[in-house]
Structure formats: structure tokens, C-alpha cells
Protein backbone atom coordinates (compact mmCIF):
# COMPACT_ATOMS: atom_id res chain seq x y z
CA MET A 1 -52.22 20.36 8.03
CA LEU A 2 -50.63 17.17 9.35
CA GLU A 3 -49.89 15.96 5.85
CA LYS A 4 -48.46 19.37 4.88
CA ALA A 5 -46.24 19.57 7.97
CA THR A 6 -45.05 16.01 7.50
CA SER A 7 -44.22 16.61 3.84
CA GLU A 8 -42.32 19.83 4.56
CA THR A 9 -40.37 18.20 7.39
CA TYR A 10 -39.42 15.30 5.14
CA SER A 11 -38.41 17.72 2.38
CA PHE A 12 -36.22 19.80 4.73
CA GLU A 13 -34.58 16.65 6.04
CA ILE A 14 -33.70 15.51 2.51
CA LYS A 15 -32.30 18.95 1.63
CA ASN A 16 -30.18 18.88 4.80
CA HIS A 17 -28.80 15.46 3.85
CA ILE A 18 -27.97 16.73 0.37
CA GLN A 19 -26.13 19.72 1.82
CA GLN A 20 -24.19 17.50 4.23
CA ASN A 21 -23.23 15.17 1.39
CA GLU A 22 -22.00 18.06 -0.75
CA MET A 23 -19.84 19.28 2.12
CA ASP A 24 -18.44 15.78 2.69
CA ILE A 25 -17.57 15.54 -1.02
CA ALA A 26 -15.77 18.90 -0.87
CA ILE A 27 -13.82 17.80 2.21
CA ALA A 28 -12.83 14.51 0.55
CA GLN A 29 -11.70 16.32 -2.59
CA GLN A 30 -9.57 18.69 -0.50
CA GLN A 31 -8.01 15.74 1.33
CA LEU A 32 -7.23 14.05 -1.98
CA GLN A 33 -5.76 17.28 -3.34
CA THR A 34 -3.51 17.53 -0.28
CA LEU A 35 -2.49 13.89 -0.62
CA LEU A 36 -1.56 14.42 -4.27
CA ASN A 37 0.33 17.63 -3.37
CA THR A 38 -1.33 19.67 -6.09
CA ASN A 39 -2.95 23.07 -6.25
CA ASP A 40 -5.30 21.99 -9.02
CA ALA A 41 -8.85 21.12 -8.08
CA VAL A 42 -9.44 17.38 -7.93
CA MET A 43 -12.59 15.97 -9.47
CA VAL A 44 -13.67 12.36 -9.29
CA ALA A 45 -14.61 10.90 -12.66
CA ASP A 46 -16.88 8.15 -11.33
CA THR A 47 -20.20 9.41 -10.02
CA VAL A 48 -21.90 6.04 -9.54
CA ILE A 49 -20.87 3.52 -6.91
CA ILE A 50 -20.46 0.10 -8.50
CA LYS A 51 -19.48 -3.23 -7.03
CA ARG A 52 -15.72 -3.77 -7.30
CA GLU A 53 -14.55 -7.09 -8.70
CA ILE A 54 -11.67 -8.90 -7.04
CA GLN A 55 -9.67 -12.07 -7.64
CA LEU A 56 -9.37 -13.65 -4.22
CA PRO A 57 -6.19 -15.57 -3.32
CA THR A 58 -6.62 -19.32 -3.46
CA ASP A 59 -4.26 -20.02 -0.58
CA SER A 60 -4.66 -16.91 1.60
CA SER A 61 -1.12 -15.98 0.58
CA VAL A 62 0.42 -12.66 1.55
CA ALA A 63 3.75 -13.37 -0.18
CA ASN A 64 3.36 -10.40 -2.52
CA ASN A 65 2.78 -7.90 0.25
CA PRO A 66 5.13 -4.89 -0.21
CA MET A 67 6.08 -4.82 3.47
CA LEU A 68 7.22 -8.44 3.32
CA HIS A 69 9.34 -7.67 0.27
CA TYR A 70 10.93 -4.81 2.18
CA LEU A 71 11.68 -7.01 5.21
CA LYS A 72 13.20 -9.70 2.99
CA GLN A 73 15.48 -7.07 1.50
CA GLN A 74 16.50 -6.02 5.01
CA ILE A 75 17.50 -9.61 5.76
CA GLU A 76 19.69 -9.71 2.66
CA ILE A 77 21.27 -6.37 3.58
CA ASN A 78 22.11 -7.65 7.07
CA LYS A 79 23.60 -10.81 5.60
CA LYS A 80 25.84 -8.74 3.34
CA GLU A 81 26.87 -6.63 6.32
CA THR A 82 27.86 -9.81 8.18
CA ASP A 83 29.94 -10.91 5.20
CA VAL A 84 31.64 -7.51 5.12
CA GLN A 85 32.57 -7.74 8.79
CA LYS A 86 33.91 -11.26 8.32
CA ALA A 87 35.99 -10.14 5.35
CA LYS A 88 37.61 -7.35 7.38
CA ARG A 89 39.43 -9.81 9.63
CA LEU A 90 40.99 -11.62 6.67
CA PRO A 91 44.40 -10.65 5.23
CA ASP A 92 44.26 -7.94 2.61
CA PHE A 93 46.43 -8.44 -0.46
CA ILE A 94 47.91 -5.35 -2.08
CA VAL A 95 48.98 -5.28 -5.73
CA GLY A 96 50.35 -2.13 -7.34
CA TYR A 97 51.74 -1.17 -10.73
CA THR A 98 53.42 2.11 -11.71
CA ASN A 99 54.30 3.37 -15.19
CA GLN A 100 56.04 6.75 -15.46
CA SER A 101 58.48 8.79 -17.60
CA PHE A 102 61.55 10.90 -16.83
CA ARG A 103 63.07 13.83 -18.70
CA GLY A 104 66.68 15.00 -18.31
CA ILE A 105 70.17 13.73 -17.42
CA GLN A 106 70.41 10.87 -14.96
CA ASN A 107 73.53 9.09 -13.66
CA VAL A 108 73.17 5.38 -14.26
CA ASN A 109 75.96 3.11 -13.00
CA GLY A 110 78.44 5.99 -13.10
CA ALA A 111 77.53 7.18 -16.58
CA ASN A 112 75.27 10.09 -17.50
CA GLU A 113 72.33 9.25 -19.69
CA LYS A 114 69.74 11.53 -21.22
CA PHE A 115 66.10 10.48 -20.98
CA THR A 116 63.07 11.76 -22.87
CA GLY A 117 59.34 11.42 -22.42
CA TRP A 118 59.40 8.32 -24.57
CA ASP A 119 61.43 6.41 -21.98
CA ARG A 120 59.10 4.51 -19.63
CA PHE A 121 59.91 3.16 -16.18
CA ASN A 122 57.77 0.40 -14.66
CA SER A 123 57.53 -0.86 -11.11
CA PHE A 124 55.43 -3.40 -9.25
CA GLN A 125 54.37 -3.62 -5.63
CA LEU A 126 53.08 -6.66 -3.79
CA GLY A 127 52.04 -6.76 -0.15
CA VAL A 128 49.88 -8.42 2.48
CA ALA A 129 48.04 -6.47 5.20
CA ILE A 130 47.34 -8.67 8.22
CA PRO A 131 45.08 -7.38 11.05
CA LEU A 132 47.11 -7.23 14.26
CA LEU A 133 44.00 -7.61 16.44
CA PRO A 134 41.51 -9.76 14.47
CA GLY A 135 39.52 -10.41 17.63
CA GLY A 136 38.26 -6.83 17.50
CA TYR A 137 36.02 -7.72 14.57
CA LYS A 138 34.31 -10.52 16.49
CA SER A 139 31.90 -8.18 18.27
CA LYS A 140 30.98 -6.49 14.99
CA ILE A 141 30.32 -9.87 13.37
CA ASN A 142 28.15 -10.93 16.31
CA ALA A 143 26.24 -7.65 16.11
CA ALA A 144 25.66 -8.16 12.39
CA LYS A 145 24.37 -11.69 13.03
CA ILE A 146 22.00 -10.36 15.69
CA ASN A 147 20.67 -7.85 13.17
CA GLU A 148 20.05 -10.77 10.80
CA GLN A 149 18.03 -12.56 13.48
CA ILE A 150 16.07 -9.40 14.29
CA ALA A 151 15.21 -8.90 10.62
CA ALA A 152 14.14 -12.55 10.27
CA THR A 153 11.98 -12.27 13.41
CA LYS A 154 10.33 -9.11 12.07
CA LEU A 155 9.56 -10.90 8.82
CA GLU A 156 8.04 -13.88 10.60
CA TYR A 157 5.99 -11.62 12.87
CA GLU A 158 4.73 -9.50 9.97
CA GLN A 159 3.74 -12.64 8.04
CA THR A 160 1.72 -13.84 11.01
CA VAL A 161 0.04 -10.45 11.50
CA LEU A 162 -0.78 -10.04 7.82
CA GLY A 163 -2.09 -13.59 7.60
CA GLY A 164 -4.42 -12.94 10.53
CA GLN A 165 -5.56 -9.63 9.06
CA LEU A 166 -6.23 -11.29 5.71
CA ASN A 167 -8.40 -13.97 7.33
CA ILE A 168 -10.43 -11.28 9.11
CA LEU A 169 -10.79 -9.27 5.89
CA LEU A 170 -11.92 -12.37 4.00
CA GLN A 171 -14.62 -12.99 6.62
CA GLN A 172 -15.75 -9.37 6.29
CA TYR A 173 -15.70 -9.71 2.52
CA TYR A 174 -17.98 -12.73 2.57
CA LYS A 175 -20.28 -10.97 5.04
CA HIS A 176 -20.63 -7.91 2.81
CA LYS A 177 -20.96 -10.11 -0.27
CA SER A 178 -23.82 -11.98 1.41
CA ALA A 179 -25.50 -8.67 2.25
CA LEU A 180 -25.21 -7.51 -1.37
CA SER A 181 -26.69 -10.77 -2.56
CA TYR A 182 -29.67 -10.25 -0.24
CA TYR A 183 -30.28 -6.71 -1.52
CA GLU A 184 -29.89 -7.65 -5.18
CA THR A 185 -32.09 -10.74 -5.08
CA THR A 186 -34.70 -9.81 -2.45
CA ALA A 187 -34.62 -6.32 -0.95
CA LEU A 188 -34.31 -4.19 -4.10
CA PRO A 189 -37.11 -5.98 -5.98
CA GLN A 190 -39.27 -5.58 -2.89
CA ALA A 191 -38.43 -1.87 -2.73
CA ASP A 192 -39.46 -1.42 -6.35
CA LEU A 193 -42.70 -3.28 -5.64
CA ILE A 194 -43.41 -1.10 -2.59
CA ILE A 195 -42.91 2.09 -4.61
CA LYS A 196 -45.06 0.83 -7.46
CA ASN A 197 -47.96 -0.25 -5.24
CA ALA A 198 -47.71 2.84 -3.02
CA GLU A 199 -47.92 5.20 -6.00
CA LYS A 200 -50.77 3.22 -7.47
CA GLY A 201 -52.71 3.16 -4.20
CA PHE A 202 -52.15 6.85 -3.56
CA ARG A 203 -53.35 7.88 -7.02
CA ASN A 204 -56.46 5.72 -6.69
CA GLY A 205 -57.23 7.21 -3.30
CA GLU A 206 -56.83 3.86 -1.57
CA LEU A 207 -53.77 4.92 0.41
CA PRO A 208 -53.62 7.97 2.71
CA TYR A 209 -50.72 10.38 2.29
CA ILE A 210 -49.01 9.49 5.59
CA GLN A 211 -48.96 5.81 4.73
CA TYR A 212 -47.84 6.62 1.19
CA GLN A 213 -44.91 8.63 2.53
CA GLN A 214 -43.98 5.89 5.00
CA SER A 215 -43.94 3.36 2.17
CA LEU A 216 -41.67 5.56 0.06
CA SER A 217 -39.38 6.11 3.05
CA THR A 218 -39.11 2.36 3.59
CA ALA A 219 -38.27 1.71 -0.06
CA LEU A 220 -35.74 4.54 -0.27
CA LYS A 221 -34.05 3.36 2.92
CA ILE A 222 -33.60 -0.06 1.33
CA ARG A 223 -31.94 1.54 -1.68
CA THR A 224 -29.77 3.73 0.56
CA ASP A 225 -28.72 0.71 2.63
CA TYR A 226 -27.85 -1.09 -0.60
CA ILE A 227 -25.48 1.73 -1.60
CA GLU A 228 -23.91 1.59 1.86
CA ALA A 229 -23.52 -2.18 1.47
CA ILE A 230 -21.70 -1.66 -1.84
CA TYR A 231 -19.40 0.85 -0.15
CA GLN A 232 -18.57 -1.56 2.69
CA TYR A 233 -18.04 -4.38 0.18
CA ASN A 234 -15.67 -2.23 -1.89
CA GLN A 235 -13.75 -1.18 1.21
CA SER A 236 -13.18 -4.82 2.12
CA THR A 237 -11.97 -5.65 -1.41
CA LEU A 238 -9.52 -2.72 -1.36
CA ALA A 239 -8.21 -3.81 2.04
CA ILE A 240 -7.69 -7.36 0.76
CA GLU A 241 -5.85 -6.08 -2.32
CA SER A 242 -3.51 -4.03 -0.13
CA ILE A 243 -2.72 -7.12 1.96
CA ILE A 244 -2.10 -9.54 -0.91
CA GLY A 245 -0.14 -6.93 -2.88
CA VAL A 246 -2.36 -6.45 -5.91
CA LYS A 247 -0.90 -3.79 -8.25
């Protein structure tokens, strides 16, 4: 009776985990569908979790980070705005040219002349516009320069933050990589050996059912922990790629 109750409890627990996993998958698919803004059902092609390969930066560089590119563009925009404000206080030269026709009778120097559409009249205009109060642009120029400094400070701050985050992510990456190495070289072979010997002992009557089940639970937990280790490792690689700007 003890063996039967233990087996049924273990079976119900596994079925509950399966049901919870199926619900989590459905929730994740709905979230992805919402993110993609589509009414079509989203299905994931990959059904097996595999270790993600990554090319680590050799110098911990974050130069290709999209946010840094954006902030650099903001600096250039602010510089152009400063140039525009400086240009507004300079004289503005005006050059104009007019070419037109005239139809009809026109008195020219006391004599009437008839003009047609083929007669062209040209005129030129030259001028200089000088700001009467050029000092009014000084505050705008100073404000534009301050915006340049703010943008440069934001860039420097973001570089520092991203550099620190990258160092932390690299440490996490090496930690998860070390865990994977342990599972692949030691834990998984041991789990296979436990399953093999447990099944052999149980069939030969050398191993009681409770101990057999405990052995299987230990081996399966190792395999489950290995899958979780792959997941954590992949999460760290994705985070690193987002920092260093991998496309």
C-alpha cells in the first residue's frame, strides 16, 4: 500500500507539473502574439532547448549599443542647433532676380511703344539684412550649448552604466557556463548511471520500490536542473548581445 500510494502521488505530481507547463506555454504564446500585434496564433518552431553560442567581445566594448548610437546622434543634432543659432545673428544677404513680360501700349520716354509676350523685362535685387539686436540670440546660443553638454553627459553616463552591466553579465555568463560544464561532464553521466543501476537492481529484486523511485527522482532532478542551467545560460548570452549591440 505504501508503494502504491507513493507511486500514485508521484504520478499526480508529474501530471500537475505538465499541466502547469502547458498553461505557461499558452500564456507565453499569448504574450508573444500581443507583442507582435497579430491575431494569428503564434507557435514556436524550436521544441528543444539548446545551448546558445555567442561571440564574446574581446575588449568589453559597448560601442555598438543602439542607445549609445542614439545619444551620439542627439549630440550631433544639438551641435547643429547651436550652429543655426549662431548663424541667425550674422547678416543675411538677399539676392533676387525677376524675369517678366508685358503686353500692350506703354509710354517710354514720351513715345508710345507696343509690347508683346515676346518682350522680356529683367530686374535684379541685392540687399543685406542686419539684425538690429544681435545680443538677443546670445541666450539661445548659450541654451543650445547647454543642450550639447547635457547630451554629452548622458552619453558618458550611459557608457559607464552599460559597461558596468556588461561586466556583471559576463560574470553571470561564466558562472552559468561553469555550471553547464559540470552537468555535461559529471552530473549527466552520473544521472544516466543512476538510472541504469536503479532499473537493473529493481528488476533483479535487489532494490526496493521506494529506493528505486528515489533514485529515479534524483536522476531526473539532475536532468531538470541541467535544462534550467541551459535556460539561465541562454538568458545571459541574450542579455550580453543586447548590450554589445549584436544584430
